[in-house]
Amino acid sequence: LAFTLILLAGAYCAGLLGSLTGLGGGVVVIPLLTLAFGVDFH
């Protein structure tokens, strides 16, 4: 539950920044998952 809530909040910030900068949320999501959460790249 804690992991899901933190991931949800992080993804929300990624989508927000991606929308404001025009880069898209995916550009932020992958570094968030791999560098911050240690999720496998695939």
PDB file of all heavy atoms in Angstrom:
ATOM      1  N   LEU A   1       0.826  -1.204   0.000  1.00  0.00           N
ATOM      2  CA  LEU A   1       0.000   0.000   0.000  1.00  0.00           C
ATOM      3  C   LEU A   1       0.862   1.257   0.000  1.00  0.00           C
ATOM      4  O   LEU A   1       0.612   2.203  -0.765  1.00  0.00           O
ATOM      5  CB  LEU A   1      -0.941  -0.003   1.210  1.00  0.00           C
ATOM      6  CG  LEU A   1      -1.835   1.240   1.359  1.00  0.00           C
ATOM      7  CD1 LEU A   1      -2.743   1.387   0.141  1.00  0.00           C
ATOM      8  CD2 LEU A   1      -2.669   1.154   2.635  1.00  0.00           C
ATOM      9  N   ALA A   2       1.892   1.271   0.836  1.00  0.00           N
ATOM     10  CA  ALA A   2       2.773   2.432   0.908  1.00  0.00           C
ATOM     11  C   ALA A   2       3.509   2.637  -0.418  1.00  0.00           C
ATOM     12  O   ALA A   2       3.617   3.770  -0.913  1.00  0.00           O
ATOM     13  CB  ALA A   2       3.775   2.257   2.041  1.00  0.00           C
ATOM     14  N   PHE A   3       4.002   1.550  -0.996  1.00  0.00           N
ATOM     15  CA  PHE A   3       4.692   1.635  -2.287  1.00  0.00           C
ATOM     16  C   PHE A   3       3.767   2.177  -3.372  1.00  0.00           C
ATOM     17  O   PHE A   3       4.158   3.041  -4.168  1.00  0.00           O
ATOM     18  CB  PHE A   3       5.209   0.249  -2.692  1.00  0.00           C
ATOM     19  CG  PHE A   3       5.808   0.200  -4.068  1.00  0.00           C
ATOM     20  CD1 PHE A   3       7.084   0.689  -4.304  1.00  0.00           C
ATOM     21  CD2 PHE A   3       5.082  -0.333  -5.131  1.00  0.00           C
ATOM     22  CE1 PHE A   3       7.636   0.643  -5.578  1.00  0.00           C
ATOM     23  CE2 PHE A   3       5.626  -0.384  -6.408  1.00  0.00           C
ATOM     24  CZ  PHE A   3       6.909   0.107  -6.629  1.00  0.00           C
ATOM     25  N   THR A   4       2.513   1.696  -3.384  1.00  0.00           N
ATOM     26  CA  THR A   4       1.548   2.143  -4.395  1.00  0.00           C
ATOM     27  C   THR A   4       1.245   3.625  -4.255  1.00  0.00           C
ATOM     28  O   THR A   4       1.194   4.365  -5.256  1.00  0.00           O
ATOM     29  CB  THR A   4       0.246   1.334  -4.283  1.00  0.00           C
ATOM     30  OG1 THR A   4       0.535  -0.057  -4.457  1.00  0.00           O
ATOM     31  CG2 THR A   4      -0.758   1.767  -5.333  1.00  0.00           C
ATOM     32  N   LEU A   5       1.040   4.088  -3.010  1.00  0.00           N
ATOM     33  CA  LEU A   5       0.725   5.500  -2.778  1.00  0.00           C
ATOM     34  C   LEU A   5       1.905   6.403  -3.156  1.00  0.00           C
ATOM     35  O   LEU A   5       1.722   7.463  -3.770  1.00  0.00           O
ATOM     36  CB  LEU A   5       0.334   5.720  -1.317  1.00  0.00           C
ATOM     37  CG  LEU A   5      -0.992   5.078  -0.875  1.00  0.00           C
ATOM     38  CD1 LEU A   5      -1.218   5.286   0.616  1.00  0.00           C
ATOM     39  CD2 LEU A   5      -2.162   5.662  -1.674  1.00  0.00           C
ATOM     40  N   ILE A   6       3.113   5.991  -2.787  1.00  0.00           N
ATOM     41  CA  ILE A   6       4.299   6.787  -3.136  1.00  0.00           C
ATOM     42  C   ILE A   6       4.492   6.819  -4.652  1.00  0.00           C
ATOM     43  O   ILE A   6       4.800   7.865  -5.235  1.00  0.00           O
ATOM     44  CB  ILE A   6       5.554   6.214  -2.444  1.00  0.00           C
ATOM     45  CG1 ILE A   6       5.441   6.369  -0.931  1.00  0.00           C
ATOM     46  CG2 ILE A   6       6.813   6.906  -2.947  1.00  0.00           C
ATOM     47  CD1 ILE A   6       6.546   5.680  -0.160  1.00  0.00           C
ATOM     48  N   LEU A   7       4.288   5.673  -5.290  1.00  0.00           N
ATOM     49  CA  LEU A   7       4.418   5.593  -6.742  1.00  0.00           C
ATOM     50  C   LEU A   7       3.360   6.445  -7.436  1.00  0.00           C
ATOM     51  O   LEU A   7       3.647   7.129  -8.434  1.00  0.00           O
ATOM     52  CB  LEU A   7       4.284   4.135  -7.193  1.00  0.00           C
ATOM     53  CG  LEU A   7       4.552   3.834  -8.674  1.00  0.00           C
ATOM     54  CD1 LEU A   7       5.938   4.301  -9.076  1.00  0.00           C
ATOM     55  CD2 LEU A   7       4.384   2.349  -8.940  1.00  0.00           C
ATOM     56  N   LEU A   8       2.148   6.442  -6.893  1.00  0.00           N
ATOM     57  CA  LEU A   8       1.058   7.249  -7.438  1.00  0.00           C
ATOM     58  C   LEU A   8       1.397   8.736  -7.351  1.00  0.00           C
ATOM     59  O   LEU A   8       1.199   9.499  -8.311  1.00  0.00           O
ATOM     60  CB  LEU A   8      -0.239   6.949  -6.683  1.00  0.00           C
ATOM     61  CG  LEU A   8      -1.530   7.569  -7.217  1.00  0.00           C
ATOM     62  CD1 LEU A   8      -1.854   7.004  -8.594  1.00  0.00           C
ATOM     63  CD2 LEU A   8      -2.684   7.289  -6.258  1.00  0.00           C
ATOM     64  N   ALA A   9       1.925   9.157  -6.184  1.00  0.00           N
ATOM     65  CA  ALA A   9       2.303  10.563  -6.003  1.00  0.00           C
ATOM     66  C   ALA A   9       3.454  10.954  -6.926  1.00  0.00           C
ATOM     67  O   ALA A   9       3.451  12.030  -7.534  1.00  0.00           O
ATOM     68  CB  ALA A   9       2.685  10.814  -4.545  1.00  0.00           C
ATOM     69  N   GLY A  10       4.439  10.065  -7.058  1.00  0.00           N
ATOM     70  CA  GLY A  10       5.563  10.334  -7.944  1.00  0.00           C
ATOM     71  C   GLY A  10       5.141  10.429  -9.399  1.00  0.00           C
ATOM     72  O   GLY A  10       5.611  11.292 -10.147  1.00  0.00           O
ATOM     73  N   ALA A  11       4.231   9.535  -9.817  1.00  0.00           N
ATOM     74  CA  ALA A  11       3.738   9.551 -11.198  1.00  0.00           C
ATOM     75  C   ALA A  11       2.918  10.815 -11.458  1.00  0.00           C
ATOM     76  O   ALA A  11       2.974  11.379 -12.560  1.00  0.00           O
ATOM     77  CB  ALA A  11       2.889   8.310 -11.458  1.00  0.00           C
ATOM     78  N   TYR A  12       2.169  11.262 -10.444  1.00  0.00           N
ATOM     79  CA  TYR A  12       1.398  12.512 -10.591  1.00  0.00           C
ATOM     80  C   TYR A  12       2.343  13.688 -10.845  1.00  0.00           C
ATOM     81  O   TYR A  12       2.105  14.510 -11.744  1.00  0.00           O
ATOM     82  CB  TYR A  12       0.562  12.761  -9.337  1.00  0.00           C
ATOM     83  CG  TYR A  12      -0.191  14.075  -9.357  1.00  0.00           C
ATOM     84  CD1 TYR A  12      -1.439  14.164  -9.973  1.00  0.00           C
ATOM     85  CD2 TYR A  12       0.338  15.220  -8.770  1.00  0.00           C
ATOM     86  CE1 TYR A  12      -2.136  15.363 -10.007  1.00  0.00           C
ATOM     87  CE2 TYR A  12      -0.350  16.422  -8.803  1.00  0.00           C
ATOM     88  CZ  TYR A  12      -1.577  16.487  -9.416  1.00  0.00           C
ATOM     89  OH  TYR A  12      -2.266  17.688  -9.452  1.00  0.00           O
ATOM     90  N   CYS A  13       3.415  13.765 -10.080  1.00  0.00           N
ATOM     91  CA  CYS A  13       4.406  14.834 -10.263  1.00  0.00           C
ATOM     92  C   CYS A  13       5.078  14.724 -11.633  1.00  0.00           C
ATOM     93  O   CYS A  13       5.347  15.734 -12.290  1.00  0.00           O
ATOM     94  CB  CYS A  13       5.461  14.777  -9.160  1.00  0.00           C
ATOM     95  SG  CYS A  13       4.835  15.146  -7.510  1.00  0.00           S
ATOM     96  N   ALA A  14       5.325  13.493 -12.066  1.00  0.00           N
ATOM     97  CA  ALA A  14       5.932  13.278 -13.384  1.00  0.00           C
ATOM     98  C   ALA A  14       5.012  13.776 -14.491  1.00  0.00           C
ATOM     99  O   ALA A  14       5.456  14.444 -15.437  1.00  0.00           O
ATOM    100  CB  ALA A  14       6.247  11.801 -13.579  1.00  0.00           C
ATOM    101  N   GLY A  15       3.729  13.448 -14.389  1.00  0.00           N
ATOM    102  CA  GLY A  15       2.763  13.909 -15.383  1.00  0.00           C
ATOM    103  C   GLY A  15       2.606  15.417 -15.370  1.00  0.00           C
ATOM    104  O   GLY A  15       2.490  16.054 -16.419  1.00  0.00           O
ATOM    105  N   LEU A  16       2.622  16.002 -14.172  1.00  0.00           N
ATOM    106  CA  LEU A  16       2.500  17.453 -14.038  1.00  0.00           C
ATOM    107  C   LEU A  16       3.687  18.163 -14.682  1.00  0.00           C
ATOM    108  O   LEU A  16       3.521  19.084 -15.492  1.00  0.00           O
ATOM    109  CB  LEU A  16       2.398  17.823 -12.557  1.00  0.00           C
ATOM    110  CG  LEU A  16       2.316  19.315 -12.218  1.00  0.00           C
ATOM    111  CD1 LEU A  16       1.045  19.919 -12.786  1.00  0.00           C
ATOM    112  CD2 LEU A  16       2.359  19.518 -10.702  1.00  0.00           C
ATOM    113  N   LEU A  17       4.902  17.739 -14.338  1.00  0.00           N
ATOM    114  CA  LEU A  17       6.104  18.353 -14.905  1.00  0.00           C
ATOM    115  C   LEU A  17       6.206  18.110 -16.406  1.00  0.00           C
ATOM    116  O   LEU A  17       6.585  19.005 -17.166  1.00  0.00           O
ATOM    117  CB  LEU A  17       7.350  17.796 -14.204  1.00  0.00           C
ATOM    118  CG  LEU A  17       7.608  18.296 -12.783  1.00  0.00           C
ATOM    119  CD1 LEU A  17       8.760  17.522 -12.157  1.00  0.00           C
ATOM    120  CD2 LEU A  17       7.923  19.789 -12.784  1.00  0.00           C
ATOM    121  N   GLY A  18       5.856  16.916 -16.824  1.00  0.00           N
ATOM    122  CA  GLY A  18       5.901  16.600 -18.246  1.00  0.00           C
ATOM    123  C   GLY A  18       4.947  17.455 -19.053  1.00  0.00           C
ATOM    124  O   GLY A  18       5.265  17.898 -20.152  1.00  0.00           O
ATOM    125  N   SER A  19       3.768  17.730 -18.492  1.00  0.00           N
ATOM    126  CA  SER A  19       2.785  18.557 -19.173  1.00  0.00           C
ATOM    127  C   SER A  19       3.226  20.021 -19.231  1.00  0.00           C
ATOM    128  O   SER A  19       3.092  20.682 -20.266  1.00  0.00           O
ATOM    129  CB  SER A  19       1.435  18.448 -18.456  1.00  0.00           C
ATOM    130  OG  SER A  19       0.478  19.282 -19.057  1.00  0.00           O
ATOM    131  N   LEU A  20       3.764  20.539 -18.138  1.00  0.00           N
ATOM    132  CA  LEU A  20       4.183  21.942 -18.081  1.00  0.00           C
ATOM    133  C   LEU A  20       5.396  22.220 -18.956  1.00  0.00           C
ATOM    134  O   LEU A  20       5.545  23.318 -19.498  1.00  0.00           O
ATOM    135  CB  LEU A  20       4.499  22.345 -16.633  1.00  0.00           C
ATOM    136  CG  LEU A  20       3.315  22.432 -15.677  1.00  0.00           C
ATOM    137  CD1 LEU A  20       3.791  22.746 -14.254  1.00  0.00           C
ATOM    138  CD2 LEU A  20       2.321  23.496 -16.135  1.00  0.00           C
ATOM    139  N   THR A  21       6.271  21.247 -19.097  1.00  0.00           N
ATOM    140  CA  THR A  21       7.496  21.456 -19.857  1.00  0.00           C
ATOM    141  C   THR A  21       7.380  20.996 -21.303  1.00  0.00           C
ATOM    142  O   THR A  21       8.249  21.299 -22.119  1.00  0.00           O
ATOM    143  CB  THR A  21       8.677  20.717 -19.212  1.00  0.00           C
ATOM    144  OG1 THR A  21       8.352  19.325 -19.107  1.00  0.00           O
ATOM    145  CG2 THR A  21       8.958  21.262 -17.827  1.00  0.00           C
ATOM    146  N   GLY A  22       6.311  20.254 -21.621  1.00  0.00           N
ATOM    147  CA  GLY A  22       6.133  19.764 -22.971  1.00  0.00           C
ATOM    148  C   GLY A  22       6.956  18.536 -23.297  1.00  0.00           C
ATOM    149  O   GLY A  22       7.016  18.116 -24.450  1.00  0.00           O
ATOM    150  N   LEU A  23       7.583  17.929 -22.304  1.00  0.00           N
ATOM    151  CA  LEU A  23       8.431  16.762 -22.541  1.00  0.00           C
ATOM    152  C   LEU A  23       7.673  15.447 -22.408  1.00  0.00           C
ATOM    153  O   LEU A  23       8.174  14.406 -22.814  1.00  0.00           O
ATOM    154  CB  LEU A  23       9.620  16.772 -21.573  1.00  0.00           C
ATOM    155  CG  LEU A  23      10.629  17.896 -21.761  1.00  0.00           C
ATOM    156  CD1 LEU A  23      11.682  17.861 -20.662  1.00  0.00           C
ATOM    157  CD2 LEU A  23      11.289  17.799 -23.122  1.00  0.00           C
ATOM    158  N   GLY A  24       6.499  15.499 -21.794  1.00  0.00           N
ATOM    159  CA  GLY A  24       5.742  14.266 -21.610  1.00  0.00           C
ATOM    160  C   GLY A  24       6.112  13.548 -20.332  1.00  0.00           C
ATOM    161  O   GLY A  24       7.260  13.608 -19.882  1.00  0.00           O
ATOM    162  N   GLY A  25       5.145  12.868 -19.734  1.00  0.00           N
ATOM    163  CA  GLY A  25       5.377  12.202 -18.458  1.00  0.00           C
ATOM    164  C   GLY A  25       6.335  11.047 -18.519  1.00  0.00           C
ATOM    165  O   GLY A  25       7.035  10.739 -17.557  1.00  0.00           O
ATOM    166  N   GLY A  26       6.420  10.366 -19.693  1.00  0.00           N
ATOM    167  CA  GLY A  26       7.287   9.207 -19.815  1.00  0.00           C
ATOM    168  C   GLY A  26       8.750   9.521 -19.609  1.00  0.00           C
ATOM    169  O   GLY A  26       9.526   8.689 -19.128  1.00  0.00           O
ATOM    170  N   VAL A  27       9.153  10.752 -19.976  1.00  0.00           N
ATOM    171  CA  VAL A  27      10.545  11.170 -19.800  1.00  0.00           C
ATOM    172  C   VAL A  27      10.924  11.191 -18.325  1.00  0.00           C
ATOM    173  O   VAL A  27      12.067  10.939 -17.955  1.00  0.00           O
ATOM    174  CB  VAL A  27      10.765  12.563 -20.436  1.00  0.00           C
ATOM    175  CG1 VAL A  27      12.140  13.116 -20.112  1.00  0.00           C
ATOM    176  CG2 VAL A  27      10.576  12.479 -21.944  1.00  0.00           C
ATOM    177  N   VAL A  28       9.946  11.483 -17.463  1.00  0.00           N
ATOM    178  CA  VAL A  28      10.200  11.553 -16.019  1.00  0.00           C
ATOM    179  C   VAL A  28       9.944  10.219 -15.341  1.00  0.00           C
ATOM    180  O   VAL A  28      10.611   9.866 -14.365  1.00  0.00           O
ATOM    181  CB  VAL A  28       9.322  12.645 -15.358  1.00  0.00           C
ATOM    182  CG1 VAL A  28       9.735  12.878 -13.917  1.00  0.00           C
ATOM    183  CG2 VAL A  28       9.397  13.944 -16.144  1.00  0.00           C
ATOM    184  N   VAL A  29       8.973   9.454 -15.857  1.00  0.00           N
ATOM    185  CA  VAL A  29       8.560   8.212 -15.211  1.00  0.00           C
ATOM    186  C   VAL A  29       9.693   7.197 -15.145  1.00  0.00           C
ATOM    187  O   VAL A  29       9.932   6.573 -14.090  1.00  0.00           O
ATOM    188  CB  VAL A  29       7.338   7.608 -15.940  1.00  0.00           C
ATOM    189  CG1 VAL A  29       7.144   6.142 -15.558  1.00  0.00           C
ATOM    190  CG2 VAL A  29       6.089   8.388 -15.600  1.00  0.00           C
ATOM    191  N   ILE A  30      10.416   7.008 -16.242  1.00  0.00           N
ATOM    192  CA  ILE A  30      11.452   5.970 -16.267  1.00  0.00           C
ATOM    193  C   ILE A  30      12.592   6.275 -15.302  1.00  0.00           C
ATOM    194  O   ILE A  30      13.013   5.387 -14.550  1.00  0.00           O
ATOM    195  CB  ILE A  30      11.955   5.746 -17.704  1.00  0.00           C
ATOM    196  CG1 ILE A  30      10.818   5.137 -18.530  1.00  0.00           C
ATOM    197  CG2 ILE A  30      13.177   4.838 -17.721  1.00  0.00           C
ATOM    198  CD1 ILE A  30      11.163   4.829 -19.956  1.00  0.00           C
ATOM    199  N   PRO A  31      13.148   7.511 -15.270  1.00  0.00           N
ATOM    200  CA  PRO A  31      14.145   7.800 -14.225  1.00  0.00           C
ATOM    201  C   PRO A  31      13.581   7.643 -12.823  1.00  0.00           C
ATOM    202  O   PRO A  31      14.288   7.181 -11.913  1.00  0.00           O
ATOM    203  CB  PRO A  31      14.531   9.265 -14.497  1.00  0.00           C
ATOM    204  CG  PRO A  31      14.240   9.475 -15.931  1.00  0.00           C
ATOM    205  CD  PRO A  31      13.027   8.635 -16.211  1.00  0.00           C
ATOM    206  N   LEU A  32      12.308   8.002 -12.629  1.00  0.00           N
ATOM    207  CA  LEU A  32      11.669   7.859 -11.322  1.00  0.00           C
ATOM    208  C   LEU A  32      11.643   6.394 -10.892  1.00  0.00           C
ATOM    209  O   LEU A  32      12.011   6.050  -9.760  1.00  0.00           O
ATOM    210  CB  LEU A  32      10.240   8.421 -11.373  1.00  0.00           C
ATOM    211  CG  LEU A  32       9.368   8.206 -10.131  1.00  0.00           C
ATOM    212  CD1 LEU A  32       9.865   9.063  -8.975  1.00  0.00           C
ATOM    213  CD2 LEU A  32       7.906   8.526 -10.436  1.00  0.00           C
ATOM    214  N   LEU A  33      11.224   5.525 -11.790  1.00  0.00           N
ATOM    215  CA  LEU A  33      11.101   4.107 -11.450  1.00  0.00           C
ATOM    216  C   LEU A  33      12.458   3.424 -11.293  1.00  0.00           C
ATOM    217  O   LEU A  33      12.657   2.642 -10.361  1.00  0.00           O
ATOM    218  CB  LEU A  33      10.291   3.379 -12.525  1.00  0.00           C
ATOM    219  CG  LEU A  33       8.806   3.729 -12.631  1.00  0.00           C
ATOM    220  CD1 LEU A  33       8.165   3.023 -13.813  1.00  0.00           C
ATOM    221  CD2 LEU A  33       8.070   3.382 -11.350  1.00  0.00           C
ATOM    222  N   THR A  34      13.396   3.737 -12.192  1.00  0.00           N
ATOM    223  CA  THR A  34      14.685   3.032 -12.173  1.00  0.00           C
ATOM    224  C   THR A  34      15.646   3.584 -11.127  1.00  0.00           C
ATOM    225  O   THR A  34      16.296   2.822 -10.405  1.00  0.00           O
ATOM    226  CB  THR A  34      15.345   3.088 -13.559  1.00  0.00           C
ATOM    227  OG1 THR A  34      15.474   4.457 -13.978  1.00  0.00           O
ATOM    228  CG2 THR A  34      14.512   2.330 -14.572  1.00  0.00           C
ATOM    229  N   LEU A  35      15.748   4.912 -11.034  1.00  0.00           N
ATOM    230  CA  LEU A  35      16.719   5.518 -10.124  1.00  0.00           C
ATOM    231  C   LEU A  35      16.182   5.642  -8.702  1.00  0.00           C
ATOM    232  O   LEU A  35      16.915   5.422  -7.735  1.00  0.00           O
ATOM    233  CB  LEU A  35      17.139   6.906 -10.642  1.00  0.00           C
ATOM    234  CG  LEU A  35      17.842   6.929 -12.017  1.00  0.00           C
ATOM    235  CD1 LEU A  35      18.161   8.362 -12.416  1.00  0.00           C
ATOM    236  CD2 LEU A  35      19.094   6.067 -12.006  1.00  0.00           C
ATOM    237  N   ALA A  36      14.902   6.001  -8.564  1.00  0.00           N
ATOM    238  CA  ALA A  36      14.337   6.226  -7.224  1.00  0.00           C
ATOM    239  C   ALA A  36      13.797   4.938  -6.591  1.00  0.00           C
ATOM    240  O   ALA A  36      13.968   4.709  -5.395  1.00  0.00           O
ATOM    241  CB  ALA A  36      13.221   7.274  -7.296  1.00  0.00           C
ATOM    242  N   PHE A  37      13.157   4.086  -7.399  1.00  0.00           N
ATOM    243  CA  PHE A  37      12.517   2.889  -6.853  1.00  0.00           C
ATOM    244  C   PHE A  37      13.265   1.605  -7.178  1.00  0.00           C
ATOM    245  O   PHE A  37      12.910   0.531  -6.674  1.00  0.00           O
ATOM    246  CB  PHE A  37      11.077   2.773  -7.364  1.00  0.00           C
ATOM    247  CG  PHE A  37      10.155   3.833  -6.843  1.00  0.00           C
ATOM    248  CD1 PHE A  37       9.855   4.945  -7.609  1.00  0.00           C
ATOM    249  CD2 PHE A  37       9.600   3.741  -5.574  1.00  0.00           C
ATOM    250  CE1 PHE A  37       9.003   5.933  -7.143  1.00  0.00           C
ATOM    251  CE2 PHE A  37       8.752   4.725  -5.094  1.00  0.00           C
ATOM    252  CZ  PHE A  37       8.455   5.824  -5.868  1.00  0.00           C
ATOM    253  N   GLY A  38      14.285   1.675  -8.017  1.00  0.00           N
ATOM    254  CA  GLY A  38      15.069   0.488  -8.346  1.00  0.00           C
ATOM    255  C   GLY A  38      14.329  -0.546  -9.164  1.00  0.00           C
ATOM    256  O   GLY A  38      14.660  -1.735  -9.128  1.00  0.00           O
ATOM    257  N   VAL A  39      13.327  -0.120  -9.942  1.00  0.00           N
ATOM    258  CA  VAL A  39      12.559  -1.036 -10.775  1.00  0.00           C
ATOM    259  C   VAL A  39      13.396  -1.431 -11.991  1.00  0.00           C
ATOM    260  O   VAL A  39      14.119  -0.616 -12.562  1.00  0.00           O
ATOM    261  CB  VAL A  39      11.240  -0.370 -11.226  1.00  0.00           C
ATOM    262  CG1 VAL A  39      10.474  -1.270 -12.189  1.00  0.00           C
ATOM    263  CG2 VAL A  39      10.372  -0.044 -10.014  1.00  0.00           C
ATOM    264  N   ASP A  40      13.306  -2.688 -12.395  1.00  0.00           N
ATOM    265  CA  ASP A  40      14.006  -3.163 -13.585  1.00  0.00           C
ATOM    266  C   ASP A  40      13.576  -2.341 -14.807  1.00  0.00           C
ATOM    267  O   ASP A  40      12.409  -1.977 -14.952  1.00  0.00           O
ATOM    268  CB  ASP A  40      13.678  -4.637 -13.821  1.00  0.00           C
ATOM    269  CG  ASP A  40      14.403  -5.213 -15.019  1.00  0.00           C
ATOM    270  OD1 ASP A  40      13.853  -5.112 -16.133  1.00  0.00           O
ATOM    271  OD2 ASP A  40      15.518  -5.743 -14.840  1.00  0.00           O
ATOM    272  N   PHE A  41      14.532  -2.057 -15.695  1.00  0.00           N
ATOM    273  CA  PHE A  41      14.283  -1.191 -16.840  1.00  0.00           C
ATOM    274  C   PHE A  41      13.140  -1.697 -17.715  1.00  0.00           C
ATOM    275  O   PHE A  41      12.313  -0.916 -18.213  1.00  0.00           O
ATOM    276  CB  PHE A  41      15.553  -1.037 -17.689  1.00  0.00           C
ATOM    277  CG  PHE A  41      16.029   0.382 -17.767  1.00  0.00           C
ATOM    278  CD1 PHE A  41      17.177   0.774 -17.098  1.00  0.00           C
ATOM    279  CD2 PHE A  41      15.340   1.333 -18.503  1.00  0.00           C
ATOM    280  CE1 PHE A  41      17.621   2.090 -17.153  1.00  0.00           C
ATOM    281  CE2 PHE A  41      15.778   2.638 -18.579  1.00  0.00           C
ATOM    282  CZ  PHE A  41      16.929   3.019 -17.915  1.00  0.00           C
ATOM    283  N   HIS A  42      13.054  -3.006 -17.912  1.00  0.00           N
ATOM    284  CA  HIS A  42      12.016  -3.548 -18.786  1.00  0.00           C
ATOM    285  C   HIS A  42      10.622  -3.310 -18.198  1.00  0.00           C
ATOM    286  O   HIS A  42       9.683  -2.980 -18.933  1.00  0.00           O
ATOM    287  CB  HIS A  42      12.249  -5.038 -19.017  1.00  0.00           C
ATOM    288  CG  HIS A  42      13.483  -5.325 -19.822  1.00  0.00           C
ATOM    289  ND1 HIS A  42      14.693  -5.613 -19.238  1.00  0.00           N
ATOM    290  CD2 HIS A  42      13.695  -5.346 -21.160  1.00  0.00           C
ATOM    291  CE1 HIS A  42      15.603  -5.815 -20.189  1.00  0.00           C
ATOM    292  NE2 HIS A  42      15.022  -5.668 -21.357  1.00  0.00           N
TER     293      HIS A  42
END
